[in-house]
Amino acid sequence: MTYHEAVKELYFWQHSNLCNFHGLLYTLISKADANNFARLMLAFPAECLAWAEWSNAPDPEAWFIGQGLFDKK
């Protein structure tokens, strides 16, 4: 999965209770301790990177816009 695809899946998980593999994966990532996060990062680097950047953003909604998910009008 590409980083951009991971960002889209993260957005859908955050806003529509995504109930597929990636929805469950983001739930697991959000609950993982540092050791398990590192393990998940080995298998799912794009998803973990997207989640880490989003969860540490000062404004998570603005972060999605900055990722190019929406047209800036």
C-alpha atoms as a PDB file:
ATOM      1  CA  MET A   1       0.000   0.000   0.000  1.00  0.00           C
ATOM      2  CA  THR A   2       1.274   3.462  -0.818  1.00  0.00           C
ATOM      3  CA  TYR A   3       1.446   6.242   1.753  1.00  0.00           C
ATOM      4  CA  HIS A   4      -1.345   8.161  -0.007  1.00  0.00           C
ATOM      5  CA  GLU A   5      -3.591   5.092   0.016  1.00  0.00           C
ATOM      6  CA  ALA A   6      -2.835   4.640   3.712  1.00  0.00           C
ATOM      7  CA  VAL A   7      -3.848   8.246   4.394  1.00  0.00           C
ATOM      8  CA  LYS A   8      -7.173   7.672   2.594  1.00  0.00           C
ATOM      9  CA  GLU A   9      -7.853   4.529   4.624  1.00  0.00           C
ATOM     10  CA  LEU A  10      -6.964   6.413   7.813  1.00  0.00           C
ATOM     11  CA  TYR A  11      -9.423   9.153   6.892  1.00  0.00           C
ATOM     12  CA  PHE A  12     -12.196   6.638   6.255  1.00  0.00           C
ATOM     13  CA  TRP A  13     -11.398   4.847   9.527  1.00  0.00           C
ATOM     14  CA  GLN A  14     -11.536   8.116  11.439  1.00  0.00           C
ATOM     15  CA  HIS A  15     -14.733   9.406   9.849  1.00  0.00           C
ATOM     16  CA  SER A  16     -16.879   6.409   8.987  1.00  0.00           C
ATOM     17  CA  ASN A  17     -15.957   3.551  11.319  1.00  0.00           C
ATOM     18  CA  LEU A  18     -14.310   1.654   8.487  1.00  0.00           C
ATOM     19  CA  CYS A  19     -14.976  -2.023   9.062  1.00  0.00           C
ATOM     20  CA  ASN A  20     -12.468  -3.790   6.843  1.00  0.00           C
ATOM     21  CA  PHE A  21      -8.908  -5.009   7.312  1.00  0.00           C
ATOM     22  CA  HIS A  22      -7.410  -1.520   7.352  1.00  0.00           C
ATOM     23  CA  GLY A  23     -10.057  -0.255   9.739  1.00  0.00           C
ATOM     24  CA  LEU A  24      -9.141  -3.004  12.167  1.00  0.00           C
ATOM     25  CA  LEU A  25      -5.449  -2.379  11.540  1.00  0.00           C
ATOM     26  CA  TYR A  26      -5.774   1.303  12.466  1.00  0.00           C
ATOM     27  CA  THR A  27      -7.621   0.302  15.625  1.00  0.00           C
ATOM     28  CA  LEU A  28      -4.736  -2.015  16.523  1.00  0.00           C
ATOM     29  CA  ILE A  29      -2.128   0.625  15.673  1.00  0.00           C
ATOM     30  CA  SER A  30      -3.910   3.140  17.894  1.00  0.00           C
ATOM     31  CA  LYS A  31      -3.819   0.717  20.835  1.00  0.00           C
ATOM     32  CA  ALA A  32      -0.287  -0.629  20.350  1.00  0.00           C
ATOM     33  CA  ASP A  33       2.451   0.030  22.878  1.00  0.00           C
ATOM     34  CA  ALA A  34       5.866   1.106  21.583  1.00  0.00           C
ATOM     35  CA  ASN A  35       7.140  -2.466  21.138  1.00  0.00           C
ATOM     36  CA  ASN A  36       4.082  -3.648  19.236  1.00  0.00           C
ATOM     37  CA  PHE A  37       3.977  -0.438  17.189  1.00  0.00           C
ATOM     38  CA  ALA A  38       7.553  -1.179  16.082  1.00  0.00           C
ATOM     39  CA  ARG A  39       6.478  -4.674  15.024  1.00  0.00           C
ATOM     40  CA  LEU A  40       3.477  -3.336  13.121  1.00  0.00           C
ATOM     41  CA  MET A  41       5.770  -0.805  11.448  1.00  0.00           C
ATOM     42  CA  LEU A  42       7.812  -3.664   9.971  1.00  0.00           C
ATOM     43  CA  ALA A  43       4.772  -5.142   8.252  1.00  0.00           C
ATOM     44  CA  PHE A  44       2.731  -1.994   7.577  1.00  0.00           C
ATOM     45  CA  PRO A  45       5.134   0.951   7.245  1.00  0.00           C
ATOM     46  CA  ALA A  46       2.864   3.273   5.233  1.00  0.00           C
ATOM     47  CA  GLU A  47      -0.083   2.765   7.569  1.00  0.00           C
ATOM     48  CA  CYS A  48       2.015   3.256  10.714  1.00  0.00           C
ATOM     49  CA  LEU A  49       3.704   6.356   9.320  1.00  0.00           C
ATOM     50  CA  ALA A  50       0.370   7.894   8.301  1.00  0.00           C
ATOM     51  CA  TRP A  51      -1.145   7.153  11.715  1.00  0.00           C
ATOM     52  CA  ALA A  52       1.890   8.509  13.603  1.00  0.00           C
ATOM     53  CA  GLU A  53       1.918  11.753  11.610  1.00  0.00           C
ATOM     54  CA  TRP A  54      -1.848  12.202  11.898  1.00  0.00           C
ATOM     55  CA  SER A  55      -1.998  11.420  15.624  1.00  0.00           C
ATOM     56  CA  ASN A  56       0.826  13.877  16.379  1.00  0.00           C
ATOM     57  CA  ALA A  57      -0.492  16.682  14.180  1.00  0.00           C
ATOM     58  CA  PRO A  58      -1.538  19.854  16.010  1.00  0.00           C
ATOM     59  CA  ASP A  59      -4.739  19.878  13.936  1.00  0.00           C
ATOM     60  CA  PRO A  60      -5.588  16.373  12.675  1.00  0.00           C
ATOM     61  CA  GLU A  61      -8.335  17.601  10.333  1.00  0.00           C
ATOM     62  CA  ALA A  62      -6.019  20.162   8.753  1.00  0.00           C
ATOM     63  CA  TRP A  63      -3.437  17.390   8.391  1.00  0.00           C
ATOM     64  CA  PHE A  64      -5.812  15.472   6.114  1.00  0.00           C
ATOM     65  CA  ILE A  65      -6.261  18.575   3.957  1.00  0.00           C
ATOM     66  CA  GLY A  66      -2.491  19.021   3.830  1.00  0.00           C
ATOM     67  CA  GLN A  67      -2.176  15.476   2.498  1.00  0.00           C
ATOM     68  CA  GLY A  68      -4.142  16.465  -0.587  1.00  0.00           C
ATOM     69  CA  LEU A  69      -7.310  14.496   0.157  1.00  0.00           C
ATOM     70  CA  PHE A  70      -9.515  17.479  -0.542  1.00  0.00           C
ATOM     71  CA  ASP A  71      -9.565  20.230  -3.099  1.00  0.00           C
ATOM     72  CA  LYS A  72      -8.537  23.514  -1.569  1.00  0.00           C
ATOM     73  CA  LYS A  73     -11.236  25.927  -2.647  1.00  0.00           C
END
